[in-house]
């Protein structure tokens, strides 16, 4: 019986996130205040009082979710993972919580990642879409058959739910073909760009430099990484997988399956919302689910 802590990604933010933690824990307040200094702007004010539109800005959303997740882990009296994993951005939260990165270095990398992704989004109009009710192989086959545009599977969230990513034309074309192939729904997402696709290559190059300049340490437990759904403790492997993550798909389904195969019976979501608990429930049966 092993306990896996899982950390959410972009989209889990909400107004007021972290406020109760800030008000009830001196150690949490100190970390939030430190984050404002590191980032150079008052992110806590936006987290606690900002509008939905302000919270949706990539340069706010990513560090905000990271902060809520990591500070929850750091101030929890019983944070004792046998393994950790994070969905996209959440992988950074998982690494910091497991001691592979310092709080300061992790936050700086997340801020750099958000900035680099935003710049990549502005180079070419792009988008993402959620494909529901179709098997992975069919989605992969249809995307690979579109050669005049860029469109790839980006998030394997759970069986029957895959997000595709690419140019606007490529995603729209894929959506029509996927619906014809039997997809129950193909929903364009309200996102700023094509995350986890080749269109993030400029961001990957920029982030790679920052990751190589950051100091990593062996984590206190295995980290199941997005790019291959395998546990890693070797610093060089963790670093390279983190760099590859921006242009590679998030293999969340496969990560949960692997954690379950490796003995995880309890999954604890650490961060805003309960999105990951819902996905885990669809991936593996009988697991105990909870939040910090």
Protein backbone atom coordinates (compact mmCIF):
# COMPACT_ATOMS: atom_id res chain seq x y z
CA UNK A 1 0.00 0.00 0.00
CA UNK A 2 1.70 3.15 -1.25
CA UNK A 3 0.64 6.78 -1.28
CA UNK A 4 0.99 8.92 -4.43
CA UNK A 5 0.73 12.70 -4.26
CA UNK A 6 -0.47 14.32 -7.48
CA UNK A 7 -0.24 17.98 -8.47
CA UNK A 8 -2.64 19.80 -10.86
CA UNK A 9 -1.83 21.91 -13.89
CA UNK A 10 -3.20 24.98 -15.62
CA UNK A 11 -6.99 25.34 -15.47
CA UNK A 12 -7.41 24.50 -11.78
CA UNK A 13 -7.14 28.11 -10.60
CA UNK A 14 -9.96 29.93 -8.81
CA UNK A 15 -10.44 33.31 -7.14
CA UNK A 16 -9.42 33.18 -3.50
CA UNK A 17 -7.04 30.26 -3.96
CA UNK A 18 -4.58 30.04 -1.07
CA UNK A 19 -6.25 32.74 1.03
CA UNK A 20 -7.29 30.47 3.90
CA UNK A 21 -3.79 28.97 3.95
CA UNK A 22 -2.27 32.48 4.06
CA UNK A 23 -4.51 33.53 6.95
CA UNK A 24 -4.12 30.43 9.10
CA UNK A 25 -0.44 29.45 8.75
CA UNK A 26 2.54 31.69 9.52
CA UNK A 27 4.88 29.44 7.54
CA UNK A 28 2.54 29.56 4.53
CA UNK A 29 2.29 33.37 4.79
CA UNK A 30 6.09 33.61 4.81
CA UNK A 31 6.34 31.55 1.61
CA UNK A 32 3.62 33.58 -0.14
CA UNK A 33 5.38 36.82 0.85
CA UNK A 34 8.69 35.40 -0.39
CA UNK A 35 7.04 34.55 -3.72
CA UNK A 36 5.93 38.17 -4.20
CA UNK A 37 9.56 39.25 -3.80
CA UNK A 38 10.91 36.58 -6.15
CA UNK A 39 8.36 37.35 -8.87
CA UNK A 40 8.56 41.12 -8.52
CA UNK A 41 4.79 41.61 -8.38
CA UNK A 42 2.01 40.99 -5.86
CA UNK A 43 0.75 37.61 -7.06
CA UNK A 44 -1.01 36.94 -3.76
CA UNK A 45 -3.28 39.96 -4.30
CA UNK A 46 -4.34 38.54 -7.68
CA UNK A 47 -4.79 35.03 -6.23
CA UNK A 48 -6.91 36.28 -3.35
CA UNK A 49 -8.82 39.17 -4.95
CA UNK A 50 -8.24 39.09 -8.73
CA UNK A 51 -10.83 38.60 -11.45
CA UNK A 52 -11.17 35.39 -13.45
CA UNK A 53 -9.58 37.16 -16.43
CA UNK A 54 -6.58 38.22 -14.36
CA UNK A 55 -6.15 34.68 -13.04
CA UNK A 56 -6.29 33.27 -16.58
CA UNK A 57 -3.18 35.16 -17.68
CA UNK A 58 -0.44 32.57 -18.17
CA UNK A 59 2.16 34.58 -16.25
CA UNK A 60 -0.24 34.55 -13.25
CA UNK A 61 -1.95 31.17 -13.62
CA UNK A 62 1.15 28.99 -13.66
CA UNK A 63 2.98 30.46 -10.65
CA UNK A 64 -0.34 30.77 -8.75
CA UNK A 65 -1.16 27.07 -9.09
CA UNK A 66 2.45 26.16 -8.33
CA UNK A 67 2.41 28.26 -5.15
CA UNK A 68 -0.89 26.90 -3.88
CA UNK A 69 0.25 23.32 -4.51
CA UNK A 70 3.78 23.57 -3.11
CA UNK A 71 2.83 25.59 -0.02
CA UNK A 72 0.08 23.07 0.77
CA UNK A 73 2.68 20.29 0.64
CA UNK A 74 5.29 22.22 2.61
CA UNK A 75 2.91 23.16 5.41
CA UNK A 76 1.13 19.81 5.65
CA UNK A 77 1.95 17.88 8.82
CA UNK A 78 1.64 14.50 7.14
CA UNK A 79 3.15 14.98 3.67
CA UNK A 80 4.83 11.59 3.21
CA UNK A 81 4.76 10.48 -0.43
CA UNK A 82 5.98 7.14 -1.73
CA UNK A 83 5.80 8.65 -5.20
CA UNK A 84 4.74 11.94 -6.84
CA UNK A 85 3.53 13.14 -10.23
CA UNK A 86 2.20 16.37 -11.67
CA UNK A 87 0.07 17.17 -14.72
CA UNK A 88 2.09 19.45 -17.05
CA UNK A 89 2.86 22.52 -14.87
CA UNK A 90 2.16 20.29 -11.87
CA UNK A 91 5.37 18.38 -12.53
CA UNK A 92 7.30 21.41 -11.25
CA UNK A 93 5.17 21.43 -8.08
CA UNK A 94 5.85 17.71 -7.64
CA UNK A 95 9.61 18.17 -8.04
CA UNK A 96 9.80 21.00 -5.48
CA UNK A 97 7.56 19.18 -3.01
CA UNK A 98 9.75 16.07 -3.34
CA UNK A 99 12.90 18.11 -2.71
CA UNK A 100 14.42 17.88 -6.20
CA UNK A 101 14.31 21.69 -6.55
CA UNK A 102 14.31 24.50 -4.03
CA UNK A 103 11.19 26.62 -3.61
CA UNK A 104 12.96 29.66 -5.09
CA UNK A 105 14.45 27.83 -8.08
CA UNK A 106 11.16 26.07 -8.79
CA UNK A 107 9.20 29.32 -8.74
CA UNK A 108 11.73 31.05 -10.99
CA UNK A 109 11.54 28.18 -13.49
CA UNK A 110 7.73 28.26 -13.50
CA UNK A 111 7.78 32.03 -14.10
CA UNK A 112 10.29 31.55 -16.93
CA UNK A 113 8.17 28.72 -18.37
CA UNK A 114 5.01 30.84 -18.34
CA UNK A 115 6.80 33.75 -20.03
CA UNK A 116 8.43 31.53 -22.65
CA UNK A 117 5.14 29.77 -23.45
CA UNK A 118 3.32 33.08 -23.79
CA UNK A 119 5.95 34.33 -26.26
CA UNK A 120 5.71 31.09 -28.25
CA UNK A 121 1.92 31.48 -28.42
CA UNK A 122 2.33 34.92 -29.99
CA UNK A 123 4.54 33.65 -32.82
CA UNK A 124 1.72 31.71 -34.51
CA UNK A 125 -2.02 31.47 -33.79
CA UNK A 126 -2.70 28.06 -32.30
CA UNK A 127 -5.14 26.21 -30.07
CA UNK A 128 -6.15 22.94 -28.39
CA UNK A 129 -9.28 20.76 -28.38
CA UNK A 130 -10.63 18.04 -26.10
CA UNK A 131 -11.64 14.83 -27.89
CA UNK A 132 -14.14 12.72 -25.96
CA UNK A 133 -15.21 9.12 -26.51
CA UNK A 134 -12.54 7.95 -28.95
CA UNK A 135 -9.62 5.57 -28.45
CA UNK A 136 -6.03 6.82 -28.37
CA UNK A 137 -4.91 4.88 -31.46
CA UNK A 138 -7.59 6.41 -33.70
CA UNK A 139 -6.74 9.92 -32.50
CA UNK A 140 -3.03 9.33 -33.10
CA UNK A 141 -3.70 7.91 -36.59
CA UNK A 142 -5.90 10.82 -37.69
CA UNK A 143 -3.52 13.48 -36.33
CA UNK A 144 -0.50 11.88 -38.02
CA UNK A 145 -2.42 11.81 -41.30
CA UNK A 146 -2.73 15.62 -41.35
CA UNK A 147 0.55 16.64 -42.95
CA UNK A 148 -0.15 20.14 -44.23
CA UNK A 149 -0.74 21.53 -40.72
CA UNK A 150 0.53 20.85 -37.18
CA UNK A 151 -1.75 18.84 -34.90
CA UNK A 152 -0.72 16.24 -32.29
CA UNK A 153 -2.12 14.49 -29.21
CA UNK A 154 -1.08 16.69 -26.27
CA UNK A 155 -2.73 15.33 -23.10
CA UNK A 156 -3.69 11.70 -22.49
CA UNK A 157 -5.95 12.62 -19.57
CA UNK A 158 -7.90 9.39 -19.09
CA UNK A 159 -9.44 6.69 -21.30
CA UNK A 160 -11.77 8.43 -23.72
CA UNK A 161 -10.40 11.91 -23.05
CA UNK A 162 -7.45 13.16 -25.09
CA UNK A 163 -6.56 16.79 -25.81
CA UNK A 164 -5.05 17.62 -29.21
CA UNK A 165 -2.87 20.65 -29.91
CA UNK A 166 -1.58 22.54 -32.94
CA UNK A 167 -2.27 25.27 -35.47
CA UNK A 168 -5.85 26.56 -35.55
CA UNK A 169 -6.40 25.07 -39.02
CA UNK A 170 -4.83 21.76 -38.03
CA UNK A 171 -6.92 21.38 -34.89
CA UNK A 172 -10.14 22.35 -36.67
CA UNK A 173 -9.45 19.86 -39.47
CA UNK A 174 -8.63 17.11 -36.95
CA UNK A 175 -11.83 17.83 -34.99
CA UNK A 176 -13.99 17.28 -38.10
CA UNK A 177 -12.19 14.04 -38.98
CA UNK A 178 -12.34 12.78 -35.38
CA UNK A 179 -16.08 13.45 -35.14
CA UNK A 180 -16.56 11.54 -38.40
CA UNK A 181 -14.52 8.69 -36.88
CA UNK A 182 -16.90 8.43 -33.93
CA UNK A 183 -15.77 10.96 -31.31
CA UNK A 184 -18.68 11.89 -29.05
CA UNK A 185 -17.45 15.48 -28.82
CA UNK A 186 -14.59 17.62 -30.10
CA UNK A 187 -14.43 20.82 -28.07
CA UNK A 188 -12.14 23.73 -28.86
CA UNK A 189 -10.56 24.94 -25.61
CA UNK A 190 -10.20 28.55 -24.47
CA UNK A 191 -6.41 28.53 -24.30
CA UNK A 192 -3.75 30.91 -25.57
CA UNK A 193 -1.86 28.44 -27.71
CA UNK A 194 -0.76 24.94 -28.64
CA UNK A 195 0.81 23.63 -25.44
CA UNK A 196 2.71 20.31 -25.63
CA UNK A 197 3.12 20.51 -29.40
CA UNK A 198 6.01 21.31 -31.79
CA UNK A 199 4.80 24.94 -31.77
CA UNK A 200 6.27 25.23 -28.24
CA UNK A 201 9.81 24.64 -29.55
CA UNK A 202 10.91 28.29 -29.00
CA UNK A 203 9.74 28.00 -25.39
CA UNK A 204 11.48 24.65 -24.95
CA UNK A 205 14.79 26.14 -26.08
CA UNK A 206 14.43 29.11 -23.73
CA UNK A 207 13.41 26.96 -20.76
CA UNK A 208 16.18 24.42 -21.41
CA UNK A 209 18.80 27.07 -20.70
CA UNK A 210 17.15 27.98 -17.39
CA UNK A 211 16.72 24.33 -16.36
CA UNK A 212 20.39 23.56 -17.04
CA UNK A 213 21.36 26.58 -14.93
CA UNK A 214 19.20 25.43 -11.97
CA UNK A 215 20.44 23.17 -9.20
CA UNK A 216 18.63 19.84 -8.93
CA UNK A 217 18.95 17.26 -6.16
CA UNK A 218 17.80 13.65 -5.87
CA UNK A 219 14.11 13.67 -4.82
CA UNK A 220 12.98 11.96 -1.63
CA UNK A 221 10.84 9.58 -3.72
CA UNK A 222 10.39 8.66 -7.40
CA UNK A 223 8.86 11.32 -9.66
CA UNK A 224 6.68 9.90 -12.45
CA UNK A 225 7.32 12.26 -15.35
CA UNK A 226 4.94 13.31 -18.10
CA UNK A 227 7.03 12.47 -21.14
CA UNK A 228 7.40 8.73 -20.52
CA UNK A 229 5.19 7.95 -17.47
CA UNK A 230 8.19 6.35 -15.75
CA UNK A 231 9.60 6.95 -12.26
CA UNK A 232 12.81 8.98 -12.10
CA UNK A 233 15.23 9.78 -9.29
CA UNK A 234 18.36 10.47 -11.36
CA UNK A 235 18.91 14.23 -11.62
CA UNK A 236 20.13 14.19 -15.24
CA UNK A 237 17.10 12.15 -16.33
CA UNK A 238 14.69 14.43 -14.46
CA UNK A 239 16.24 17.51 -16.05
CA UNK A 240 16.09 16.19 -19.63
CA UNK A 241 12.51 14.94 -19.23
CA UNK A 242 11.47 18.33 -17.87
CA UNK A 243 12.95 20.07 -20.91
CA UNK A 244 11.26 17.64 -23.32
CA UNK A 245 7.90 18.14 -21.59
CA UNK A 246 6.98 21.39 -23.36
CA UNK A 247 6.82 19.85 -26.84
CA UNK A 248 5.84 16.29 -25.81
CA UNK A 249 2.43 14.95 -24.75
CA UNK A 250 1.42 14.65 -21.11
CA UNK A 251 1.00 10.91 -20.54
CA UNK A 252 -1.24 11.19 -17.50
CA UNK A 253 -3.25 8.03 -18.12
CA UNK A 254 -0.06 6.02 -18.48
CA UNK A 255 1.51 7.67 -15.40
CA UNK A 256 -1.43 6.73 -13.16
CA UNK A 257 -1.45 3.20 -14.59
CA UNK A 258 2.28 2.87 -13.86
CA UNK A 259 1.95 4.25 -10.33
CA UNK A 260 -0.88 1.80 -9.68
CA UNK A 261 1.20 -1.07 -11.05
CA UNK A 262 4.03 0.03 -8.75
CA UNK A 263 1.79 -0.26 -5.69
CA UNK A 264 -0.06 3.07 -5.34
CA UNK A 265 -3.40 2.51 -3.61
CA UNK A 266 -3.97 6.07 -2.37
CA UNK A 267 -3.83 9.23 -4.51
CA UNK A 268 -3.74 12.58 -2.70
CA UNK A 269 -4.32 15.70 -4.82
CA UNK A 270 -2.20 18.60 -3.66
CA UNK A 271 -3.33 21.93 -5.09
CA UNK A 272 -6.46 23.79 -6.18
CA UNK A 273 -9.48 21.79 -7.31
CA UNK A 274 -10.21 18.09 -7.73
CA UNK A 275 -9.63 17.61 -11.47
CA UNK A 276 -6.93 14.97 -11.07
CA UNK A 277 -8.99 12.91 -8.63
CA UNK A 278 -11.70 12.71 -11.27
CA UNK A 279 -9.19 11.53 -13.87
CA UNK A 280 -7.62 8.95 -11.55
CA UNK A 281 -11.09 7.54 -10.84
CA UNK A 282 -11.56 6.94 -14.58
CA UNK A 283 -8.10 5.38 -15.00
CA UNK A 284 -7.84 2.98 -12.09
CA UNK A 285 -10.55 1.33 -9.99
CA UNK A 286 -10.49 0.96 -6.25
CA UNK A 287 -7.96 3.67 -5.44
CA UNK A 288 -8.52 5.81 -2.36
CA UNK A 289 -8.79 9.48 -3.38
CA UNK A 290 -8.40 12.61 -1.25
CA UNK A 291 -7.02 16.16 -1.15
CA UNK A 292 -4.70 17.96 1.25
